[in-house]
């Protein structure tokens, strides 16, 4: 497929900016993927117009960088990944988030997408600290984050309400020098 912008890539996936034509897929996945909604704590539904408008907003938001996660074998969008809340240039920190669509979970797309974003965040954006909140019910994600090098910092007690229950969040982070020790040998 010609004309595809591959911002970051590895053997299995590449990351590219989300395009307006991706709104159809995101509209379907965000509203119908019940497991992703549960694990991310997504409570509301979105119209296709709202998703398209968010693309325009994200393009203007200098405190955020996000990409679609694309499977190389067929250029299929399998999820998205972002670094958010990069407001303070003195502290050089950001919040990380990722979503893999249900039919692609467990197929090895999340780990390389996380590593590509960490490499981008630390190597291109010169961030010092990347943090995330993961719901305590998402054991698979916690395991992956720890395997990659994120450290647990604490618990936000009962801060997410979903499906008639409150759940904790685990606060995790990785620092630039920790990432370099693991991956820049």
N, C-alpha and C. Protein backbone atom coordinates (compact mmCIF):
# COMPACT_ATOMS: atom_id res chain seq x y z
N UNK A 1 0.85 -1.19 0.00
CA UNK A 1 0.00 0.00 0.00
C UNK A 1 0.89 1.24 0.00
N UNK A 2 0.82 2.05 -1.01
CA UNK A 2 1.68 3.22 -1.09
C UNK A 2 1.05 4.39 -0.34
N UNK A 3 1.88 5.33 0.05
CA UNK A 3 1.40 6.52 0.73
C UNK A 3 1.19 6.36 2.22
N UNK A 4 1.47 5.19 2.78
CA UNK A 4 1.29 4.98 4.20
C UNK A 4 2.47 5.58 4.95
N UNK A 5 2.17 6.35 5.97
CA UNK A 5 3.20 6.94 6.81
C UNK A 5 3.42 6.01 7.99
N UNK A 6 4.60 5.42 8.05
CA UNK A 6 4.96 4.54 9.16
C UNK A 6 5.90 5.32 10.07
N UNK A 7 5.35 5.87 11.14
CA UNK A 7 6.16 6.71 12.03
C UNK A 7 7.16 5.86 12.79
N UNK A 8 6.70 4.73 13.31
CA UNK A 8 7.54 3.81 14.08
C UNK A 8 7.16 2.40 13.64
N UNK A 9 8.14 1.48 13.63
CA UNK A 9 7.79 0.12 13.24
C UNK A 9 8.74 -0.90 13.82
N UNK A 10 8.24 -2.13 13.92
CA UNK A 10 9.06 -3.28 14.26
C UNK A 10 8.68 -4.39 13.28
N UNK A 11 8.99 -5.62 13.60
CA UNK A 11 8.75 -6.73 12.67
C UNK A 11 7.26 -6.99 12.41
N UNK A 12 6.43 -6.77 13.40
CA UNK A 12 5.03 -7.19 13.34
C UNK A 12 4.02 -6.06 13.13
N UNK A 13 4.35 -4.87 13.61
CA UNK A 13 3.43 -3.74 13.56
C UNK A 13 4.15 -2.48 13.13
N UNK A 14 3.35 -1.48 12.80
CA UNK A 14 3.87 -0.13 12.67
C UNK A 14 2.84 0.82 13.28
N UNK A 15 3.30 1.99 13.68
CA UNK A 15 2.44 3.02 14.24
C UNK A 15 2.34 4.15 13.22
N UNK A 16 1.14 4.63 13.03
CA UNK A 16 0.91 5.76 12.13
C UNK A 16 -0.16 6.66 12.73
N UNK A 17 -0.19 7.93 12.29
CA UNK A 17 -1.25 8.81 12.78
C UNK A 17 -2.63 8.23 12.41
N UNK A 18 -3.58 8.43 13.31
CA UNK A 18 -4.96 8.04 13.00
C UNK A 18 -5.50 8.97 11.94
N UNK A 19 -6.22 8.42 10.99
CA UNK A 19 -6.80 9.17 9.88
C UNK A 19 -8.32 9.19 10.02
N UNK A 20 -8.96 10.09 9.33
CA UNK A 20 -10.42 10.21 9.41
C UNK A 20 -11.12 8.91 9.02
N UNK A 21 -10.55 8.15 8.07
CA UNK A 21 -11.17 6.88 7.68
C UNK A 21 -11.12 5.84 8.79
N UNK A 22 -10.27 6.03 9.80
CA UNK A 22 -10.22 5.13 10.95
C UNK A 22 -11.41 5.32 11.87
N UNK A 23 -12.13 6.41 11.72
CA UNK A 23 -13.26 6.70 12.62
C UNK A 23 -14.31 5.59 12.57
N UNK A 24 -14.55 5.00 11.40
CA UNK A 24 -15.54 3.92 11.30
C UNK A 24 -15.16 2.73 12.18
N UNK A 25 -13.91 2.32 12.11
CA UNK A 25 -13.45 1.17 12.90
C UNK A 25 -13.49 1.51 14.39
N UNK A 26 -12.99 2.69 14.75
CA UNK A 26 -12.98 3.09 16.16
C UNK A 26 -14.41 3.21 16.70
N UNK A 27 -15.31 3.73 15.90
CA UNK A 27 -16.71 3.85 16.31
C UNK A 27 -17.27 2.47 16.66
N UNK A 28 -17.02 1.49 15.81
CA UNK A 28 -17.50 0.13 16.06
C UNK A 28 -16.83 -0.47 17.29
N UNK A 29 -15.52 -0.37 17.38
CA UNK A 29 -14.77 -1.04 18.45
C UNK A 29 -15.03 -0.39 19.81
N UNK A 30 -14.99 0.92 19.88
CA UNK A 30 -15.17 1.61 21.16
C UNK A 30 -16.55 1.33 21.73
N UNK A 31 -17.55 1.26 20.88
CA UNK A 31 -18.92 1.08 21.37
C UNK A 31 -19.33 -0.37 21.53
N UNK A 32 -18.66 -1.32 20.88
CA UNK A 32 -19.12 -2.71 20.94
C UNK A 32 -18.16 -3.67 21.64
N UNK A 33 -16.93 -3.27 21.85
CA UNK A 33 -15.94 -4.15 22.46
C UNK A 33 -16.11 -4.10 23.98
N UNK A 34 -16.96 -4.95 24.51
CA UNK A 34 -17.31 -4.90 25.92
C UNK A 34 -16.12 -5.18 26.83
N UNK A 35 -15.23 -6.07 26.43
CA UNK A 35 -14.07 -6.36 27.27
C UNK A 35 -13.12 -5.18 27.32
N UNK A 36 -12.86 -4.54 26.20
CA UNK A 36 -12.00 -3.36 26.21
C UNK A 36 -12.64 -2.26 27.05
N UNK A 37 -13.96 -2.08 26.93
CA UNK A 37 -14.66 -1.07 27.72
C UNK A 37 -14.52 -1.36 29.21
N UNK A 38 -14.64 -2.62 29.58
CA UNK A 38 -14.52 -3.01 30.99
C UNK A 38 -13.11 -2.75 31.51
N UNK A 39 -12.10 -3.15 30.75
CA UNK A 39 -10.73 -3.03 31.21
C UNK A 39 -10.22 -1.59 31.22
N UNK A 40 -10.80 -0.74 30.38
CA UNK A 40 -10.40 0.67 30.36
C UNK A 40 -11.33 1.54 31.19
N UNK A 41 -12.44 0.98 31.68
CA UNK A 41 -13.40 1.75 32.46
C UNK A 41 -14.20 2.73 31.63
N UNK A 42 -14.30 2.50 30.33
CA UNK A 42 -15.07 3.38 29.44
C UNK A 42 -16.55 3.22 29.74
N UNK A 43 -17.18 4.31 30.17
CA UNK A 43 -18.56 4.23 30.60
C UNK A 43 -19.56 4.76 29.59
N UNK A 44 -19.16 5.70 28.79
CA UNK A 44 -20.12 6.27 27.86
C UNK A 44 -19.88 5.76 26.45
N UNK A 45 -20.86 5.96 25.60
CA UNK A 45 -20.72 5.62 24.19
C UNK A 45 -20.43 6.90 23.42
N UNK A 46 -19.94 6.73 22.19
CA UNK A 46 -19.54 7.87 21.38
C UNK A 46 -20.19 7.77 20.01
N UNK A 47 -20.57 8.91 19.47
CA UNK A 47 -21.06 8.93 18.09
C UNK A 47 -19.86 8.97 17.16
N UNK A 48 -20.11 8.64 15.90
CA UNK A 48 -19.04 8.71 14.92
C UNK A 48 -18.56 10.15 14.76
N UNK A 49 -19.47 11.11 14.83
CA UNK A 49 -19.11 12.52 14.73
C UNK A 49 -18.20 12.91 15.90
N UNK A 50 -18.49 12.45 17.11
CA UNK A 50 -17.64 12.76 18.26
C UNK A 50 -16.24 12.19 18.06
N UNK A 51 -16.16 11.00 17.51
CA UNK A 51 -14.84 10.39 17.26
C UNK A 51 -14.08 11.19 16.21
N UNK A 52 -14.75 11.58 15.15
CA UNK A 52 -14.11 12.41 14.11
C UNK A 52 -13.65 13.74 14.70
N UNK A 53 -14.47 14.36 15.56
CA UNK A 53 -14.09 15.62 16.19
C UNK A 53 -12.90 15.45 17.11
N UNK A 54 -12.83 14.29 17.78
CA UNK A 54 -11.68 14.05 18.66
C UNK A 54 -10.39 13.99 17.85
N UNK A 55 -10.44 13.45 16.63
CA UNK A 55 -9.25 13.43 15.77
C UNK A 55 -8.76 14.85 15.52
N UNK A 56 -9.70 15.76 15.24
CA UNK A 56 -9.33 17.15 14.99
C UNK A 56 -8.75 17.80 16.24
N UNK A 57 -9.36 17.50 17.38
CA UNK A 57 -8.87 18.03 18.65
C UNK A 57 -7.46 17.51 18.95
N UNK A 58 -7.25 16.21 18.77
CA UNK A 58 -5.95 15.61 19.05
C UNK A 58 -4.86 16.21 18.16
N UNK A 59 -5.21 16.53 16.92
CA UNK A 59 -4.24 17.11 15.99
C UNK A 59 -3.77 18.48 16.48
N UNK A 60 -4.61 19.20 17.23
CA UNK A 60 -4.27 20.52 17.75
C UNK A 60 -3.63 20.47 19.13
N UNK A 61 -3.76 19.35 19.83
CA UNK A 61 -3.32 19.22 21.23
C UNK A 61 -1.83 18.92 21.29
N UNK A 62 -1.04 19.91 21.65
CA UNK A 62 0.42 19.76 21.70
C UNK A 62 0.89 18.98 22.93
N UNK A 63 -0.02 18.68 23.85
CA UNK A 63 0.36 17.92 25.05
C UNK A 63 0.13 16.43 24.86
N UNK A 64 -0.13 16.01 23.62
CA UNK A 64 -0.47 14.62 23.35
C UNK A 64 0.12 14.18 22.02
N UNK A 65 0.55 12.92 21.97
CA UNK A 65 0.93 12.30 20.70
C UNK A 65 0.33 10.90 20.70
N UNK A 66 -0.37 10.58 19.63
CA UNK A 66 -1.03 9.28 19.56
C UNK A 66 -0.95 8.69 18.16
N UNK A 67 -1.05 7.37 18.10
CA UNK A 67 -0.94 6.66 16.84
C UNK A 67 -1.90 5.48 16.80
N UNK A 68 -2.25 5.09 15.60
CA UNK A 68 -2.93 3.82 15.40
C UNK A 68 -1.89 2.72 15.37
N UNK A 69 -2.26 1.56 15.92
CA UNK A 69 -1.39 0.38 15.88
C UNK A 69 -1.84 -0.44 14.68
N UNK A 70 -0.96 -0.66 13.72
CA UNK A 70 -1.32 -1.28 12.46
C UNK A 70 -0.56 -2.60 12.30
N UNK A 71 -1.28 -3.65 11.98
CA UNK A 71 -0.67 -4.96 11.71
C UNK A 71 -0.03 -4.91 10.33
N UNK A 72 1.24 -5.25 10.24
CA UNK A 72 1.98 -5.16 8.98
C UNK A 72 1.44 -6.08 7.89
N UNK A 73 1.03 -7.29 8.26
CA UNK A 73 0.66 -8.28 7.25
C UNK A 73 -0.50 -7.84 6.36
N UNK A 74 -1.41 -6.98 6.90
CA UNK A 74 -2.56 -6.58 6.08
C UNK A 74 -2.99 -5.13 6.30
N UNK A 75 -2.14 -4.33 6.95
CA UNK A 75 -2.41 -2.92 7.23
C UNK A 75 -3.72 -2.71 8.01
N UNK A 76 -4.06 -3.67 8.87
CA UNK A 76 -5.28 -3.61 9.67
C UNK A 76 -5.03 -2.84 10.97
N UNK A 77 -5.93 -1.91 11.29
CA UNK A 77 -5.89 -1.19 12.55
C UNK A 77 -6.29 -2.14 13.67
N UNK A 78 -5.40 -2.35 14.66
CA UNK A 78 -5.67 -3.30 15.74
C UNK A 78 -5.80 -2.62 17.10
N UNK A 79 -5.58 -1.31 17.15
CA UNK A 79 -5.69 -0.57 18.40
C UNK A 79 -5.06 0.79 18.27
N UNK A 80 -4.91 1.48 19.41
CA UNK A 80 -4.24 2.78 19.38
C UNK A 80 -3.45 2.96 20.66
N UNK A 81 -2.50 3.88 20.60
CA UNK A 81 -1.58 4.11 21.71
C UNK A 81 -1.28 5.60 21.76
N UNK A 82 -1.07 6.12 22.99
CA UNK A 82 -0.84 7.56 23.12
C UNK A 82 -0.01 7.90 24.34
N UNK A 83 0.69 9.00 24.24
CA UNK A 83 1.31 9.68 25.37
C UNK A 83 0.51 10.97 25.56
N UNK A 84 -0.02 11.18 26.76
CA UNK A 84 -0.88 12.31 27.06
C UNK A 84 -0.28 13.16 28.17
N UNK A 85 -0.90 14.30 28.38
CA UNK A 85 -0.62 15.16 29.54
C UNK A 85 0.84 15.59 29.62
N UNK A 86 1.43 15.92 28.48
CA UNK A 86 2.80 16.41 28.45
C UNK A 86 2.79 17.94 28.53
N UNK A 87 2.37 18.46 29.68
CA UNK A 87 2.20 19.91 29.85
C UNK A 87 3.45 20.59 30.39
N UNK A 88 4.17 19.90 31.24
CA UNK A 88 5.26 20.51 31.99
C UNK A 88 6.61 20.12 31.38
N UNK A 89 7.22 21.04 30.67
CA UNK A 89 8.50 20.73 30.02
C UNK A 89 9.64 20.63 31.03
N UNK A 90 9.48 21.21 32.21
CA UNK A 90 10.53 21.09 33.24
C UNK A 90 10.59 19.68 33.79
N UNK A 91 9.43 19.09 34.08
CA UNK A 91 9.40 17.74 34.65
C UNK A 91 9.56 16.65 33.60
N UNK A 92 9.23 16.95 32.35
CA UNK A 92 9.39 16.01 31.24
C UNK A 92 8.70 14.66 31.52
N UNK A 93 7.41 14.73 31.84
CA UNK A 93 6.67 13.50 32.10
C UNK A 93 5.43 13.43 31.22
N UNK A 94 4.88 12.22 31.14
CA UNK A 94 3.69 12.00 30.32
C UNK A 94 2.91 10.82 30.90
N UNK A 95 1.65 10.76 30.52
CA UNK A 95 0.79 9.65 30.86
C UNK A 95 0.65 8.76 29.63
N UNK A 96 0.71 7.46 29.82
CA UNK A 96 0.65 6.49 28.73
C UNK A 96 -0.70 5.78 28.73
N UNK A 97 -1.21 5.50 27.53
CA UNK A 97 -2.39 4.65 27.42
C UNK A 97 -2.35 3.87 26.11
N UNK A 98 -2.96 2.68 26.15
CA UNK A 98 -3.02 1.82 24.98
C UNK A 98 -4.35 1.07 25.00
N UNK A 99 -4.87 0.79 23.83
CA UNK A 99 -6.06 -0.05 23.70
C UNK A 99 -5.84 -0.97 22.49
N UNK A 100 -5.99 -2.26 22.74
CA UNK A 100 -5.94 -3.27 21.67
C UNK A 100 -7.37 -3.80 21.52
N UNK A 101 -7.88 -3.83 20.30
CA UNK A 101 -9.24 -4.30 20.07
C UNK A 101 -9.36 -5.78 20.41
N UNK A 102 -10.53 -6.18 20.89
CA UNK A 102 -10.75 -7.52 21.46
C UNK A 102 -10.27 -8.66 20.58
N UNK A 103 -10.52 -8.61 19.31
CA UNK A 103 -10.16 -9.73 18.44
C UNK A 103 -8.64 -9.84 18.22
N UNK A 104 -7.87 -8.86 18.71
CA UNK A 104 -6.42 -8.87 18.53
C UNK A 104 -5.64 -9.02 19.85
N UNK A 105 -6.37 -9.10 20.96
CA UNK A 105 -5.72 -9.26 22.27
C UNK A 105 -5.03 -10.62 22.32
N UNK A 106 -3.83 -10.64 22.90
CA UNK A 106 -3.09 -11.88 23.08
C UNK A 106 -2.35 -12.35 21.84
N UNK A 107 -2.27 -11.51 20.81
CA UNK A 107 -1.59 -11.90 19.57
C UNK A 107 -0.23 -11.22 19.41
N UNK A 108 0.24 -10.57 20.46
CA UNK A 108 1.59 -10.01 20.41
C UNK A 108 1.71 -8.63 19.79
N UNK A 109 0.62 -7.85 19.79
CA UNK A 109 0.69 -6.50 19.23
C UNK A 109 0.94 -5.44 20.29
N UNK A 110 0.49 -5.67 21.53
CA UNK A 110 0.61 -4.68 22.58
C UNK A 110 2.03 -4.41 23.02
N UNK A 111 2.79 -5.47 23.27
CA UNK A 111 4.16 -5.29 23.77
C UNK A 111 5.03 -4.48 22.80
N UNK A 112 5.06 -4.80 21.50
CA UNK A 112 5.88 -3.96 20.62
C UNK A 112 5.36 -2.53 20.50
N UNK A 113 4.04 -2.34 20.57
CA UNK A 113 3.50 -0.98 20.50
C UNK A 113 3.94 -0.17 21.72
N UNK A 114 3.92 -0.79 22.89
CA UNK A 114 4.37 -0.10 24.11
C UNK A 114 5.85 0.25 23.99
N UNK A 115 6.66 -0.70 23.57
CA UNK A 115 8.10 -0.43 23.44
C UNK A 115 8.39 0.66 22.42
N UNK A 116 7.67 0.67 21.30
CA UNK A 116 7.87 1.72 20.31
C UNK A 116 7.52 3.09 20.89
N UNK A 117 6.44 3.17 21.67
CA UNK A 117 6.05 4.45 22.26
C UNK A 117 7.03 4.88 23.34
N UNK A 118 7.55 3.93 24.12
CA UNK A 118 8.56 4.29 25.11
C UNK A 118 9.82 4.80 24.43
N UNK A 119 10.22 4.14 23.37
CA UNK A 119 11.40 4.58 22.62
C UNK A 119 11.17 5.99 22.06
N UNK A 120 9.98 6.23 21.54
CA UNK A 120 9.63 7.55 21.01
C UNK A 120 9.62 8.59 22.14
N UNK A 121 8.97 8.24 23.24
CA UNK A 121 8.87 9.17 24.35
C UNK A 121 10.21 9.54 24.96
N UNK A 122 11.05 8.54 25.18
CA UNK A 122 12.35 8.80 25.80
C UNK A 122 13.39 9.26 24.78
N UNK A 123 13.38 8.69 23.58
CA UNK A 123 14.42 8.97 22.60
C UNK A 123 14.16 10.17 21.71
N UNK A 124 12.90 10.48 21.42
CA UNK A 124 12.56 11.60 20.53
C UNK A 124 12.03 12.79 21.33
N UNK A 125 11.09 12.53 22.23
CA UNK A 125 10.49 13.61 23.01
C UNK A 125 11.31 13.99 24.24
N UNK A 126 12.35 13.22 24.55
CA UNK A 126 13.23 13.47 25.69
C UNK A 126 12.46 13.53 27.02
N UNK A 127 11.50 12.62 27.18
CA UNK A 127 10.77 12.54 28.44
C UNK A 127 11.67 11.90 29.50
N UNK A 128 11.40 12.21 30.74
CA UNK A 128 12.13 11.61 31.86
C UNK A 128 11.32 10.49 32.52
N UNK A 129 9.99 10.65 32.54
CA UNK A 129 9.12 9.72 33.26
C UNK A 129 7.83 9.50 32.47
N UNK A 130 7.45 8.23 32.33
CA UNK A 130 6.18 7.90 31.69
C UNK A 130 5.40 7.06 32.70
N UNK A 131 4.19 7.49 32.98
CA UNK A 131 3.36 6.81 33.96
C UNK A 131 2.05 6.34 33.34
N UNK A 132 1.37 5.48 34.08
CA UNK A 132 0.05 5.00 33.65
C UNK A 132 -0.74 4.57 34.86
N UNK A 133 -2.04 4.52 34.68
CA UNK A 133 -2.97 3.92 35.65
C UNK A 133 -3.58 2.73 34.94
N UNK A 134 -3.56 1.58 35.59
CA UNK A 134 -4.19 0.38 35.01
C UNK A 134 -5.15 -0.16 36.06
N UNK A 135 -6.34 -0.53 35.64
CA UNK A 135 -7.33 -1.04 36.59
C UNK A 135 -6.85 -2.38 37.15
N UNK A 136 -7.05 -2.56 38.43
CA UNK A 136 -6.54 -3.76 39.12
C UNK A 136 -7.15 -5.04 38.57
N UNK A 137 -8.27 -4.96 37.87
CA UNK A 137 -8.88 -6.16 37.27
C UNK A 137 -8.20 -6.57 35.98
N UNK A 138 -7.27 -5.76 35.49
CA UNK A 138 -6.61 -6.03 34.22
C UNK A 138 -5.24 -6.67 34.46
N UNK A 139 -5.27 -7.92 34.95
CA UNK A 139 -4.04 -8.64 35.29
C UNK A 139 -3.10 -8.80 34.11
N UNK A 140 -3.65 -9.04 32.93
CA UNK A 140 -2.82 -9.23 31.74
C UNK A 140 -1.99 -7.98 31.46
N UNK A 141 -2.62 -6.82 31.53
CA UNK A 141 -1.90 -5.58 31.26
C UNK A 141 -0.84 -5.31 32.33
N UNK A 142 -1.17 -5.53 33.58
CA UNK A 142 -0.20 -5.33 34.66
C UNK A 142 1.02 -6.20 34.42
N UNK A 143 0.79 -7.45 34.06
CA UNK A 143 1.90 -8.37 33.78
C UNK A 143 2.78 -7.85 32.62
N UNK A 144 2.16 -7.40 31.55
CA UNK A 144 2.91 -6.89 30.40
C UNK A 144 3.70 -5.65 30.78
N UNK A 145 3.08 -4.72 31.50
CA UNK A 145 3.79 -3.51 31.90
C UNK A 145 5.00 -3.84 32.78
N UNK A 146 4.84 -4.75 33.72
CA UNK A 146 5.97 -5.14 34.57
C UNK A 146 7.06 -5.83 33.76
N UNK A 147 6.67 -6.67 32.82
CA UNK A 147 7.64 -7.37 31.97
C UNK A 147 8.46 -6.36 31.17
N UNK A 148 7.82 -5.29 30.72
CA UNK A 148 8.51 -4.27 29.93
C UNK A 148 9.43 -3.41 30.80
N UNK A 149 9.12 -3.27 32.09
CA UNK A 149 9.99 -2.50 32.96
C UNK A 149 9.29 -1.46 33.82
N UNK A 150 7.97 -1.33 33.69
CA UNK A 150 7.24 -0.41 34.55
C UNK A 150 7.28 -0.92 35.99
N UNK A 151 7.33 0.01 36.93
CA UNK A 151 7.33 -0.31 38.36
C UNK A 151 6.02 0.16 38.98
N UNK A 152 5.51 -0.64 39.91
CA UNK A 152 4.31 -0.23 40.66
C UNK A 152 4.69 0.86 41.64
N UNK A 153 3.88 1.91 41.66
CA UNK A 153 4.13 3.03 42.58
C UNK A 153 3.09 3.08 43.69
N UNK A 154 1.90 2.62 43.41
CA UNK A 154 0.86 2.71 44.42
C UNK A 154 -0.49 2.29 43.88
N UNK A 155 -1.48 2.45 44.73
CA UNK A 155 -2.85 2.07 44.40
C UNK A 155 -3.75 3.29 44.59
N UNK A 156 -4.62 3.52 43.63
CA UNK A 156 -5.72 4.46 43.81
C UNK A 156 -6.92 3.61 44.20
N UNK A 157 -7.36 3.76 45.43
CA UNK A 157 -8.40 2.90 45.96
C UNK A 157 -9.77 3.29 45.42
N UNK A 158 -10.47 2.30 44.90
CA UNK A 158 -11.86 2.43 44.44
C UNK A 158 -12.10 3.72 43.65
N UNK A 159 -11.25 3.98 42.68
CA UNK A 159 -11.39 5.22 41.90
C UNK A 159 -12.11 5.02 40.56
N UNK A 160 -12.46 3.78 40.24
CA UNK A 160 -13.16 3.51 38.98
C UNK A 160 -14.45 2.75 39.28
N UNK A 161 -15.54 3.30 38.80
CA UNK A 161 -16.83 2.64 38.97
C UNK A 161 -17.24 2.05 37.63
N UNK A 162 -17.49 0.75 37.62
CA UNK A 162 -17.90 0.10 36.37
C UNK A 162 -18.75 -1.13 36.70
N UNK A 163 -19.88 -1.22 36.06
CA UNK A 163 -20.77 -2.37 36.18
C UNK A 163 -21.13 -2.67 37.64
N UNK A 164 -21.60 -1.65 38.32
CA UNK A 164 -22.12 -1.76 39.69
C UNK A 164 -21.06 -2.01 40.76
N UNK A 165 -19.78 -1.80 40.44
CA UNK A 165 -18.71 -2.03 41.42
C UNK A 165 -17.62 -0.97 41.29
N UNK A 166 -16.96 -0.72 42.40
CA UNK A 166 -15.77 0.12 42.39
C UNK A 166 -14.54 -0.77 42.29
N UNK A 167 -13.54 -0.27 41.55
CA UNK A 167 -12.29 -1.00 41.36
C UNK A 167 -11.12 -0.07 41.65
N UNK A 168 -10.01 -0.66 42.07
CA UNK A 168 -8.77 0.08 42.28
C UNK A 168 -8.04 0.26 40.95
N UNK A 169 -7.12 1.23 40.95
CA UNK A 169 -6.17 1.38 39.85
C UNK A 169 -4.77 1.24 40.40
N UNK A 170 -3.89 0.66 39.62
CA UNK A 170 -2.49 0.53 39.97
C UNK A 170 -1.74 1.62 39.21
N UNK A 171 -0.99 2.44 39.94
CA UNK A 171 -0.18 3.48 39.33
C UNK A 171 1.20 2.88 39.07
N UNK A 172 1.67 3.00 37.83
CA UNK A 172 2.95 2.44 37.44
C UNK A 172 3.72 3.49 36.65
N UNK A 173 5.05 3.35 36.65
CA UNK A 173 5.86 4.27 35.84
C UNK A 173 7.17 3.60 35.45
N UNK A 174 7.80 4.20 34.45
CA UNK A 174 9.15 3.83 34.06
C UNK A 174 9.90 5.13 33.80
N UNK A 175 11.15 5.19 34.25
CA UNK A 175 11.99 6.36 34.07
C UNK A 175 12.92 6.16 32.89
N UNK A 176 13.38 7.26 32.33
CA UNK A 176 14.23 7.21 31.15
C UNK A 176 15.46 6.34 31.38
N UNK A 177 16.15 6.50 32.49
CA UNK A 177 17.37 5.72 32.73
C UNK A 177 17.04 4.23 32.92
N UNK A 178 15.88 3.91 33.48
CA UNK A 178 15.48 2.50 33.61
C UNK A 178 15.25 1.89 32.23
N UNK A 179 14.59 2.65 31.37
CA UNK A 179 14.35 2.18 30.01
C UNK A 179 15.68 1.97 29.28
N UNK A 180 16.59 2.93 29.40
CA UNK A 180 17.87 2.83 28.72
C UNK A 180 18.68 1.64 29.21
N UNK A 181 18.64 1.37 30.51
CA UNK A 181 19.36 0.21 31.06
C UNK A 181 18.82 -1.10 30.50
N UNK A 182 17.52 -1.15 30.27
CA UNK A 182 16.88 -2.38 29.76
C UNK A 182 17.04 -2.56 28.25
N UNK A 183 16.96 -1.46 27.50
CA UNK A 183 16.82 -1.59 26.05
C UNK A 183 17.89 -0.90 25.22
N UNK A 184 18.77 -0.13 25.82
CA UNK A 184 19.77 0.60 25.04
C UNK A 184 21.17 0.07 25.28
N UNK A 185 21.31 -1.23 25.48
CA UNK A 185 22.61 -1.83 25.77
C UNK A 185 23.47 -1.95 24.53
